[in-house]
Amino acid sequence: MKKFYTYILYSKKLSKFYIGSTRIDPMARLERHLLEYYGASKFTAQADDWILFFEIECFEYSQALKIEKHIKRMKSKKYIHNLVKYPEISIKLLEKYTADC
């Protein structure tokens, strides 16, 4: 069974988050970012200290994309921290965007 993810990286150096979705394991995706696999001009190439801050496993890739967009629309570091602090938020996101898939 194929897995899909929405993931969040954090760079202490930049004090910034990067939100994305992927069809591969988030740790493998993190390695690609660290190795500048996506190009030296990409946002994640600005730092070399990215860590995997958060991940949520999704049922469909379209669901992962919708959750990614939802988190980006929030434009809030506090919301991102709350995703980790309150796991029920992830459950609600999965439920909300399951019906749309």
PDB file of N, CA and C in Angstrom:
ATOM      1  N   MET A   1       0.838  -1.187   0.000  1.00  0.00           N
ATOM      2  CA  MET A   1       0.000   0.000   0.000  1.00  0.00           C
ATOM      3  C   MET A   1       0.883   1.250   0.000  1.00  0.00           C
ATOM      4  N   LYS A   2       0.653   2.110  -0.936  1.00  0.00           N
ATOM      5  CA  LYS A   2       1.437   3.341  -1.056  1.00  0.00           C
ATOM      6  C   LYS A   2       1.046   4.314   0.048  1.00  0.00           C
ATOM      7  N   LYS A   3       2.046   5.028   0.554  1.00  0.00           N
ATOM      8  CA  LYS A   3       1.802   6.007   1.613  1.00  0.00           C
ATOM      9  C   LYS A   3       2.067   7.409   1.083  1.00  0.00           C
ATOM     10  N   PHE A   4       1.348   8.355   1.664  1.00  0.00           N
ATOM     11  CA  PHE A   4       1.461   9.756   1.290  1.00  0.00           C
ATOM     12  C   PHE A   4       1.569  10.571   2.575  1.00  0.00           C
ATOM     13  N   TYR A   5       2.261  11.686   2.498  1.00  0.00           N
ATOM     14  CA  TYR A   5       2.514  12.463   3.702  1.00  0.00           C
ATOM     15  C   TYR A   5       2.429  13.958   3.442  1.00  0.00           C
ATOM     16  N   THR A   6       2.019  14.673   4.478  1.00  0.00           N
ATOM     17  CA  THR A   6       2.262  16.103   4.591  1.00  0.00           C
ATOM     18  C   THR A   6       3.350  16.199   5.646  1.00  0.00           C
ATOM     19  N   TYR A   7       4.360  17.019   5.391  1.00  0.00           N
ATOM     20  CA  TYR A   7       5.470  17.098   6.339  1.00  0.00           C
ATOM     21  C   TYR A   7       5.886  18.540   6.551  1.00  0.00           C
ATOM     22  N   ILE A   8       6.508  18.775   7.695  1.00  0.00           N
ATOM     23  CA  ILE A   8       7.004  20.104   8.024  1.00  0.00           C
ATOM     24  C   ILE A   8       8.451  19.975   8.469  1.00  0.00           C
ATOM     25  N   LEU A   9       9.310  20.753   7.828  1.00  0.00           N
ATOM     26  CA  LEU A   9      10.716  20.829   8.216  1.00  0.00           C
ATOM     27  C   LEU A   9      10.932  22.122   8.985  1.00  0.00           C
ATOM     28  N   TYR A  10      11.954  22.105   9.849  1.00  0.00           N
ATOM     29  CA  TYR A  10      12.298  23.318  10.590  1.00  0.00           C
ATOM     30  C   TYR A  10      13.797  23.559  10.504  1.00  0.00           C
ATOM     31  N   SER A  11      14.167  24.816  10.277  1.00  0.00           N
ATOM     32  CA  SER A  11      15.565  25.236  10.273  1.00  0.00           C
ATOM     33  C   SER A  11      15.767  26.230  11.416  1.00  0.00           C
ATOM     34  N   LYS A  12      16.607  25.865  12.364  1.00  0.00           N
ATOM     35  CA  LYS A  12      16.928  26.775  13.461  1.00  0.00           C
ATOM     36  C   LYS A  12      17.709  27.980  12.929  1.00  0.00           C
ATOM     37  N   LYS A  13      18.593  27.733  11.981  1.00  0.00           N
ATOM     38  CA  LYS A  13      19.403  28.797  11.392  1.00  0.00           C
ATOM     39  C   LYS A  13      18.530  29.901  10.787  1.00  0.00           C
ATOM     40  N   LEU A  14      17.484  29.507  10.061  1.00  0.00           N
ATOM     41  CA  LEU A  14      16.578  30.464   9.433  1.00  0.00           C
ATOM     42  C   LEU A  14      15.408  30.852  10.343  1.00  0.00           C
ATOM     43  N   SER A  15      15.188  30.034  11.375  1.00  0.00           N
ATOM     44  CA  SER A  15      14.014  30.186  12.238  1.00  0.00           C
ATOM     45  C   SER A  15      12.732  30.162  11.394  1.00  0.00           C
ATOM     46  N   LYS A  16      12.704  29.183  10.471  1.00  0.00           N
ATOM     47  CA  LYS A  16      11.576  29.065   9.535  1.00  0.00           C
ATOM     48  C   LYS A  16      11.157  27.612   9.381  1.00  0.00           C
ATOM     49  N   PHE A  17       9.900  27.475   8.974  1.00  0.00           N
ATOM     50  CA  PHE A  17       9.339  26.167   8.655  1.00  0.00           C
ATOM     51  C   PHE A  17       9.185  26.041   7.147  1.00  0.00           C
ATOM     52  N   TYR A  18       9.242  24.804   6.682  1.00  0.00           N
ATOM     53  CA  TYR A  18       8.953  24.485   5.285  1.00  0.00           C
ATOM     54  C   TYR A  18       7.868  23.419   5.319  1.00  0.00           C
ATOM     55  N   ILE A  19       6.784  23.636   4.599  1.00  0.00           N
ATOM     56  CA  ILE A  19       5.652  22.712   4.587  1.00  0.00           C
ATOM     57  C   ILE A  19       5.546  22.108   3.196  1.00  0.00           C
ATOM     58  N   GLY A  20       5.454  20.790   3.142  1.00  0.00           N
ATOM     59  CA  GLY A  20       5.362  20.126   1.856  1.00  0.00           C
ATOM     60  C   GLY A  20       4.542  18.850   1.936  1.00  0.00           C
ATOM     61  N   SER A  21       4.352  18.226   0.788  1.00  0.00           N
ATOM     62  CA  SER A  21       3.693  16.920   0.726  1.00  0.00           C
ATOM     63  C   SER A  21       4.547  16.031  -0.165  1.00  0.00           C
ATOM     64  N   THR A  22       4.442  14.730   0.076  1.00  0.00           N
ATOM     65  CA  THR A  22       5.323  13.809  -0.632  1.00  0.00           C
ATOM     66  C   THR A  22       4.695  12.431  -0.779  1.00  0.00           C
ATOM     67  N   ARG A  23       5.218  11.708  -1.760  1.00  0.00           N
ATOM     68  CA  ARG A  23       4.818  10.316  -1.985  1.00  0.00           C
ATOM     69  C   ARG A  23       5.891   9.359  -1.469  1.00  0.00           C
ATOM     70  N   ILE A  24       6.962   9.918  -0.893  1.00  0.00           N
ATOM     71  CA  ILE A  24       8.038   9.083  -0.346  1.00  0.00           C
ATOM     72  C   ILE A  24       8.136   9.313   1.155  1.00  0.00           C
ATOM     73  N   ASP A  25       8.897   8.469   1.833  1.00  0.00           N
ATOM     74  CA  ASP A  25       9.094   8.598   3.275  1.00  0.00           C
ATOM     75  C   ASP A  25       9.627   9.995   3.611  1.00  0.00           C
ATOM     76  N   PRO A  26       9.059  10.660   4.602  1.00  0.00           N
ATOM     77  CA  PRO A  26       9.502  12.018   4.938  1.00  0.00           C
ATOM     78  C   PRO A  26      10.998  12.130   5.291  1.00  0.00           C
ATOM     79  N   MET A  27      11.585  11.106   5.887  1.00  0.00           N
ATOM     80  CA  MET A  27      13.022  11.161   6.184  1.00  0.00           C
ATOM     81  C   MET A  27      13.839  11.116   4.898  1.00  0.00           C
ATOM     82  N   ALA A  28      13.389  10.340   3.915  1.00  0.00           N
ATOM     83  CA  ALA A  28      14.065  10.315   2.618  1.00  0.00           C
ATOM     84  C   ALA A  28      13.908  11.668   1.930  1.00  0.00           C
ATOM     85  N   ARG A  29      12.734  12.268   2.071  1.00  0.00           N
ATOM     86  CA  ARG A  29      12.506  13.591   1.486  1.00  0.00           C
ATOM     87  C   ARG A  29      13.404  14.630   2.151  1.00  0.00           C
ATOM     88  N   LEU A  30      13.551  14.541   3.471  1.00  0.00           N
ATOM     89  CA  LEU A  30      14.444  15.443   4.196  1.00  0.00           C
ATOM     90  C   LEU A  30      15.871  15.318   3.669  1.00  0.00           C
ATOM     91  N   GLU A  31      16.341  14.112   3.480  1.00  0.00           N
ATOM     92  CA  GLU A  31      17.696  13.895   2.939  1.00  0.00           C
ATOM     93  C   GLU A  31      17.859  14.563   1.576  1.00  0.00           C
ATOM     94  N   ARG A  32      16.838  14.456   0.750  1.00  0.00           N
ATOM     95  CA  ARG A  32      16.895  15.098  -0.568  1.00  0.00           C
ATOM     96  C   ARG A  32      17.022  16.620  -0.426  1.00  0.00           C
ATOM     97  N   HIS A  33      16.275  17.187   0.499  1.00  0.00           N
ATOM     98  CA  HIS A  33      16.377  18.634   0.723  1.00  0.00           C
ATOM     99  C   HIS A  33      17.780  19.004   1.192  1.00  0.00           C
ATOM    100  N   LEU A  34      18.327  18.223   2.103  1.00  0.00           N
ATOM    101  CA  LEU A  34      19.656  18.526   2.643  1.00  0.00           C
ATOM    102  C   LEU A  34      20.749  18.394   1.585  1.00  0.00           C
ATOM    103  N   LEU A  35      20.540  17.517   0.624  1.00  0.00           N
ATOM    104  CA  LEU A  35      21.520  17.301  -0.445  1.00  0.00           C
ATOM    105  C   LEU A  35      21.266  18.212  -1.652  1.00  0.00           C
ATOM    106  N   GLU A  36      20.325  19.136  -1.517  1.00  0.00           N
ATOM    107  CA  GLU A  36      19.955  20.061  -2.592  1.00  0.00           C
ATOM    108  C   GLU A  36      19.537  19.325  -3.866  1.00  0.00           C
ATOM    109  N   TYR A  37      18.894  18.202  -3.695  1.00  0.00           N
ATOM    110  CA  TYR A  37      18.389  17.387  -4.790  1.00  0.00           C
ATOM    111  C   TYR A  37      17.445  18.195  -5.689  1.00  0.00           C
ATOM    112  N   TYR A  38      16.718  19.122  -5.090  1.00  0.00           N
ATOM    113  CA  TYR A  38      15.728  19.906  -5.834  1.00  0.00           C
ATOM    114  C   TYR A  38      16.317  21.194  -6.407  1.00  0.00           C
ATOM    115  N   GLY A  39      17.606  21.415  -6.191  1.00  0.00           N
ATOM    116  CA  GLY A  39      18.277  22.574  -6.768  1.00  0.00           C
ATOM    117  C   GLY A  39      18.774  23.546  -5.711  1.00  0.00           C
ATOM    118  N   ALA A  40      19.878  24.205  -6.030  1.00  0.00           N
ATOM    119  CA  ALA A  40      20.513  25.144  -5.103  1.00  0.00           C
ATOM    120  C   ALA A  40      19.729  26.446  -4.973  1.00  0.00           C
ATOM    121  N   SER A  41      18.804  26.692  -5.870  1.00  0.00           N
ATOM    122  CA  SER A  41      18.036  27.942  -5.809  1.00  0.00           C
ATOM    123  C   SER A  41      16.723  27.779  -5.032  1.00  0.00           C
ATOM    124  N   LYS A  42      16.419  26.572  -4.582  1.00  0.00           N
ATOM    125  CA  LYS A  42      15.177  26.334  -3.860  1.00  0.00           C
ATOM    126  C   LYS A  42      15.275  26.829  -2.424  1.00  0.00           C
ATOM    127  N   PHE A  43      14.117  27.102  -1.817  1.00  0.00           N
ATOM    128  CA  PHE A  43      14.063  27.652  -0.467  1.00  0.00           C
ATOM    129  C   PHE A  43      14.850  26.810   0.541  1.00  0.00           C
ATOM    130  N   THR A  44      14.694  25.498   0.475  1.00  0.00           N
ATOM    131  CA  THR A  44      15.354  24.650   1.477  1.00  0.00           C
ATOM    132  C   THR A  44      16.874  24.618   1.312  1.00  0.00           C
ATOM    133  N   ALA A  45      17.377  25.075   0.190  1.00  0.00           N
ATOM    134  CA  ALA A  45      18.837  25.124  -0.016  1.00  0.00           C
ATOM    135  C   ALA A  45      19.480  26.270   0.774  1.00  0.00           C
ATOM    136  N   GLN A  46      18.672  27.146   1.347  1.00  0.00           N
ATOM    137  CA  GLN A  46      19.192  28.277   2.118  1.00  0.00           C
ATOM    138  C   GLN A  46      19.793  27.871   3.460  1.00  0.00           C
ATOM    139  N   ALA A  47      19.502  26.654   3.903  1.00  0.00           N
ATOM    140  CA  ALA A  47      20.015  26.186   5.197  1.00  0.00           C
ATOM    141  C   ALA A  47      20.401  24.719   5.097  1.00  0.00           C
ATOM    142  N   ASP A  48      21.288  24.311   5.978  1.00  0.00           N
ATOM    143  CA  ASP A  48      21.740  22.916   5.986  1.00  0.00           C
ATOM    144  C   ASP A  48      21.405  22.214   7.303  1.00  0.00           C
ATOM    145  N   ASP A  49      20.510  22.816   8.071  1.00  0.00           N
ATOM    146  CA  ASP A  49      20.182  22.252   9.382  1.00  0.00           C
ATOM    147  C   ASP A  49      18.711  21.852   9.514  1.00  0.00           C
ATOM    148  N   TRP A  50      18.064  21.561   8.389  1.00  0.00           N
ATOM    149  CA  TRP A  50      16.658  21.175   8.431  1.00  0.00           C
ATOM    150  C   TRP A  50      16.465  19.903   9.246  1.00  0.00           C
ATOM    151  N   ILE A  51      15.397  19.879  10.024  1.00  0.00           N
ATOM    152  CA  ILE A  51      14.992  18.663  10.743  1.00  0.00           C
ATOM    153  C   ILE A  51      13.536  18.391  10.398  1.00  0.00           C
ATOM    154  N   LEU A  52      13.142  17.133  10.512  1.00  0.00           N
ATOM    155  CA  LEU A  52      11.743  16.782  10.317  1.00  0.00           C
ATOM    156  C   LEU A  52      11.014  17.141  11.601  1.00  0.00           C
ATOM    157  N   PHE A  53      10.178  18.160  11.536  1.00  0.00           N
ATOM    158  CA  PHE A  53       9.480  18.678  12.711  1.00  0.00           C
ATOM    159  C   PHE A  53       8.147  17.958  12.935  1.00  0.00           C
ATOM    160  N   PHE A  54       7.468  17.621  11.827  1.00  0.00           N
ATOM    161  CA  PHE A  54       6.135  17.031  11.920  1.00  0.00           C
ATOM    162  C   PHE A  54       5.816  16.289  10.630  1.00  0.00           C
ATOM    163  N   GLU A  55       5.053  15.222  10.772  1.00  0.00           N
ATOM    164  CA  GLU A  55       4.555  14.507   9.594  1.00  0.00           C
ATOM    165  C   GLU A  55       3.185  13.938   9.906  1.00  0.00           C
ATOM    166  N   ILE A  56       2.380  13.839   8.878  1.00  0.00           N
ATOM    167  CA  ILE A  56       1.073  13.212   9.007  1.00  0.00           C
ATOM    168  C   ILE A  56       0.877  12.295   7.804  1.00  0.00           C
ATOM    169  N   GLU A  57       0.569  11.053   8.082  1.00  0.00           N
ATOM    170  CA  GLU A  57       0.351  10.090   7.010  1.00  0.00           C
ATOM    171  C   GLU A  57      -1.070  10.236   6.485  1.00  0.00           C
ATOM    172  N   CYS A  58      -1.193  10.336   5.171  1.00  0.00           N
ATOM    173  CA  CYS A  58      -2.487  10.556   4.528  1.00  0.00           C
ATOM    174  C   CYS A  58      -2.902   9.333   3.715  1.00  0.00           C
ATOM    175  N   PHE A  59      -4.165   9.282   3.381  1.00  0.00           N
ATOM    176  CA  PHE A  59      -4.721   8.156   2.628  1.00  0.00           C
ATOM    177  C   PHE A  59      -4.521   8.294   1.125  1.00  0.00           C
ATOM    178  N   GLU A  60      -4.513   9.534   0.648  1.00  0.00           N
ATOM    179  CA  GLU A  60      -4.366   9.832  -0.774  1.00  0.00           C
ATOM    180  C   GLU A  60      -3.400  11.000  -0.924  1.00  0.00           C
ATOM    181  N   TYR A  61      -2.754  11.094  -2.083  1.00  0.00           N
ATOM    182  CA  TYR A  61      -1.853  12.231  -2.302  1.00  0.00           C
ATOM    183  C   TYR A  61      -2.640  13.539  -2.351  1.00  0.00           C
ATOM    184  N   SER A  62      -3.849  13.508  -2.915  1.00  0.00           N
ATOM    185  CA  SER A  62      -4.676  14.719  -2.970  1.00  0.00           C
ATOM    186  C   SER A  62      -5.007  15.209  -1.559  1.00  0.00           C
ATOM    187  N   GLN A  63      -5.193  14.286  -0.630  1.00  0.00           N
ATOM    188  CA  GLN A  63      -5.442  14.650   0.763  1.00  0.00           C
ATOM    189  C   GLN A  63      -4.205  15.316   1.366  1.00  0.00           C
ATOM    190  N   ALA A  64      -3.027  14.770   1.087  1.00  0.00           N
ATOM    191  CA  ALA A  64      -1.778  15.351   1.589  1.00  0.00           C
ATOM    192  C   ALA A  64      -1.604  16.776   1.072  1.00  0.00           C
ATOM    193  N   LEU A  65      -1.917  16.995  -0.191  1.00  0.00           N
ATOM    194  CA  LEU A  65      -1.824  18.336  -0.780  1.00  0.00           C
ATOM    195  C   LEU A  65      -2.791  19.313  -0.120  1.00  0.00           C
ATOM    196  N   LYS A  66      -4.012  18.858   0.139  1.00  0.00           N
ATOM    197  CA  LYS A  66      -5.009  19.726   0.762  1.00  0.00           C
ATOM    198  C   LYS A  66      -4.619  20.081   2.197  1.00  0.00           C
ATOM    199  N   ILE A  67      -4.063  19.123   2.920  1.00  0.00           N
ATOM    200  CA  ILE A  67      -3.620  19.405   4.285  1.00  0.00           C
ATOM    201  C   ILE A  67      -2.433  20.359   4.255  1.00  0.00           C
ATOM    202  N   GLU A  68      -1.516  20.163   3.311  1.00  0.00           N
ATOM    203  CA  GLU A  68      -0.394  21.094   3.140  1.00  0.00           C
ATOM    204  C   GLU A  68      -0.913  22.515   2.919  1.00  0.00           C
ATOM    205  N   LYS A  69      -1.854  22.675   2.014  1.00  0.00           N
ATOM    206  CA  LYS A  69      -2.408  24.001   1.718  1.00  0.00           C
ATOM    207  C   LYS A  69      -3.120  24.590   2.925  1.00  0.00           C
ATOM    208  N   HIS A  70      -3.830  23.743   3.667  1.00  0.00           N
ATOM    209  CA  HIS A  70      -4.519  24.197   4.876  1.00  0.00           C
ATOM    210  C   HIS A  70      -3.521  24.779   5.877  1.00  0.00           C
ATOM    211  N   ILE A  71      -2.445  24.056   6.127  1.00  0.00           N
ATOM    212  CA  ILE A  71      -1.431  24.518   7.082  1.00  0.00           C
ATOM    213  C   ILE A  71      -0.792  25.816   6.585  1.00  0.00           C
ATOM    214  N   LYS A  72      -0.498  25.897   5.310  1.00  0.00           N
ATOM    215  CA  LYS A  72       0.094  27.120   4.756  1.00  0.00           C
ATOM    216  C   LYS A  72      -0.857  28.311   4.889  1.00  0.00           C
ATOM    217  N   ARG A  73      -2.146  28.082   4.670  1.00  0.00           N
ATOM    218  CA  ARG A  73      -3.132  29.164   4.798  1.00  0.00           C
ATOM    219  C   ARG A  73      -3.207  29.706   6.222  1.00  0.00           C
ATOM    220  N   MET A  74      -2.897  28.879   7.196  1.00  0.00           N
ATOM    221  CA  MET A  74      -2.950  29.317   8.591  1.00  0.00           C
ATOM    222  C   MET A  74      -1.883  30.376   8.877  1.00  0.00           C
ATOM    223  N   LYS A  75      -0.762  30.325   8.164  1.00  0.00           N
ATOM    224  CA  LYS A  75       0.324  31.298   8.320  1.00  0.00           C
ATOM    225  C   LYS A  75       0.666  31.536   9.788  1.00  0.00           C
ATOM    226  N   SER A  76       0.854  30.443  10.528  1.00  0.00           N
ATOM    227  CA  SER A  76       1.042  30.571  11.963  1.00  0.00           C
ATOM    228  C   SER A  76       2.031  29.540  12.499  1.00  0.00           C
ATOM    229  N   LYS A  77       3.105  30.040  13.105  1.00  0.00           N
ATOM    230  CA  LYS A  77       4.049  29.136  13.772  1.00  0.00           C
ATOM    231  C   LYS A  77       3.377  28.469  14.966  1.00  0.00           C
ATOM    232  N   LYS A  78       2.503  29.204  15.637  1.00  0.00           N
ATOM    233  CA  LYS A  78       1.792  28.643  16.792  1.00  0.00           C
ATOM    234  C   LYS A  78       0.927  27.459  16.353  1.00  0.00           C
ATOM    235  N   TYR A  79       0.256  27.596  15.207  1.00  0.00           N
ATOM    236  CA  TYR A  79      -0.563  26.492  14.694  1.00  0.00           C
ATOM    237  C   TYR A  79       0.310  25.270  14.427  1.00  0.00           C
ATOM    238  N   ILE A  80       1.471  25.482  13.835  1.00  0.00           N
ATOM    239  CA  ILE A  80       2.388  24.377  13.546  1.00  0.00           C
ATOM    240  C   ILE A  80       2.837  23.707  14.842  1.00  0.00           C
ATOM    241  N   HIS A  81       3.161  24.492  15.850  1.00  0.00           N
ATOM    242  CA  HIS A  81       3.547  23.916  17.146  1.00  0.00           C
ATOM    243  C   HIS A  81       2.370  23.152  17.772  1.00  0.00           C
ATOM    244  N   ASN A  82       1.161  23.678  17.572  1.00  0.00           N
ATOM    245  CA  ASN A  82      -0.017  23.003  18.116  1.00  0.00           C
ATOM    246  C   ASN A  82      -0.299  21.677  17.427  1.00  0.00           C
ATOM    247  N   LEU A  83       0.098  21.530  16.177  1.00  0.00           N
ATOM    248  CA  LEU A  83      -0.055  20.236  15.494  1.00  0.00           C
ATOM    249  C   LEU A  83       0.693  19.137  16.245  1.00  0.00           C
ATOM    250  N   VAL A  84       1.848  19.485  16.780  1.00  0.00           N
ATOM    251  CA  VAL A  84       2.653  18.525  17.542  1.00  0.00           C
ATOM    252  C   VAL A  84       2.076  18.351  18.946  1.00  0.00           C
ATOM    253  N   LYS A  85       1.701  19.458  19.540  1.00  0.00           N
ATOM    254  CA  LYS A  85       1.219  19.460  20.932  1.00  0.00           C
ATOM    255  C   LYS A  85      -0.134  18.765  21.086  1.00  0.00           C
ATOM    256  N   TYR A  86      -1.002  18.941  20.091  1.00  0.00           N
ATOM    257  CA  TYR A  86      -2.364  18.394  20.157  1.00  0.00           C
ATOM    258  C   TYR A  86      -2.624  17.464  18.971  1.00  0.00           C
ATOM    259  N   PRO A  87      -2.348  16.169  19.119  1.00  0.00           N
ATOM    260  CA  PRO A  87      -2.520  15.212  18.009  1.00  0.00           C
ATOM    261  C   PRO A  87      -3.943  15.168  17.440  1.00  0.00           C
ATOM    262  N   GLU A  88      -4.919  15.581  18.219  1.00  0.00           N
ATOM    263  CA  GLU A  88      -6.302  15.561  17.725  1.00  0.00           C
ATOM    264  C   GLU A  88      -6.509  16.511  16.546  1.00  0.00           C
ATOM    265  N   ILE A  89      -5.664  17.520  16.419  1.00  0.00           N
ATOM    266  CA  ILE A  89      -5.757  18.419  15.268  1.00  0.00           C
ATOM    267  C   ILE A  89      -5.478  17.642  13.985  1.00  0.00           C
ATOM    268  N   SER A  90      -4.485  16.770  14.021  1.00  0.00           N
ATOM    269  CA  SER A  90      -4.158  15.942  12.847  1.00  0.00           C
ATOM    270  C   SER A  90      -5.319  15.039  12.474  1.00  0.00           C
ATOM    271  N   ILE A  91      -5.946  14.465  13.474  1.00  0.00           N
ATOM    272  CA  ILE A  91      -7.085  13.578  13.226  1.00  0.00           C
ATOM    273  C   ILE A  91      -8.214  14.350  12.552  1.00  0.00           C
ATOM    274  N   LYS A  92      -8.471  15.556  13.044  1.00  0.00           N
ATOM    275  CA  LYS A  92      -9.531  16.381  12.457  1.00  0.00           C
ATOM    276  C   LYS A  92      -9.196  16.794  11.027  1.00  0.00           C
ATOM    277  N   LEU A  93      -7.923  17.080  10.759  1.00  0.00           N
ATOM    278  CA  LEU A  93      -7.515  17.415   9.393  1.00  0.00           C
ATOM    279  C   LEU A  93      -7.735  16.229   8.452  1.00  0.00           C
ATOM    280  N   LEU A  94      -7.352  15.039   8.911  1.00  0.00           N
ATOM    281  CA  LEU A  94      -7.549  13.839   8.089  1.00  0.00           C
ATOM    282  C   LEU A  94      -9.035  13.621   7.807  1.00  0.00           C
ATOM    283  N   GLU A  95      -9.866  13.800   8.829  1.00  0.00           N
ATOM    284  CA  GLU A  95     -11.310  13.636   8.649  1.00  0.00           C
ATOM    285  C   GLU A  95     -11.874  14.685   7.717  1.00  0.00           C
ATOM    286  N   LYS A  96     -11.468  15.933   7.907  1.00  0.00           N
ATOM    287  CA  LYS A  96     -11.983  17.036   7.092  1.00  0.00           C
ATOM    288  C   LYS A  96     -11.665  16.835   5.612  1.00  0.00           C
ATOM    289  N   TYR A  97     -10.454  16.412   5.331  1.00  0.00           N
ATOM    290  CA  TYR A  97     -10.031  16.318   3.931  1.00  0.00           C
ATOM    291  C   TYR A  97     -10.201  14.916   3.337  1.00  0.00           C
ATOM    292  N   THR A  98     -10.717  13.960   4.100  1.00  0.00           N
ATOM    293  CA  THR A  98     -11.030  12.641   3.551  1.00  0.00           C
ATOM    294  C   THR A  98     -12.258  12.727   2.648  1.00  0.00           C
ATOM    295  N   ALA A  99     -13.242  13.484   3.082  1.00  0.00           N
ATOM    296  CA  ALA A  99     -14.478  13.606   2.311  1.00  0.00           C
ATOM    297  C   ALA A  99     -14.257  14.266   0.967  1.00  0.00           C
ATOM    298  N   ASP A 100     -13.244  15.121   0.881  1.00  0.00           N
ATOM    299  CA  ASP A 100     -12.964  15.849  -0.361  1.00  0.00           C
ATOM    300  C   ASP A 100     -12.195  15.024  -1.380  1.00  0.00           C
ATOM    301  N   CYS A 101     -11.568  13.928  -0.956  1.00  0.00           N
ATOM    302  CA  CYS A 101     -10.703  13.152  -1.846  1.00  0.00           C
ATOM    303  C   CYS A 101     -11.490  12.323  -2.834  1.00  0.00           C
TER     304      CYS A 101
END
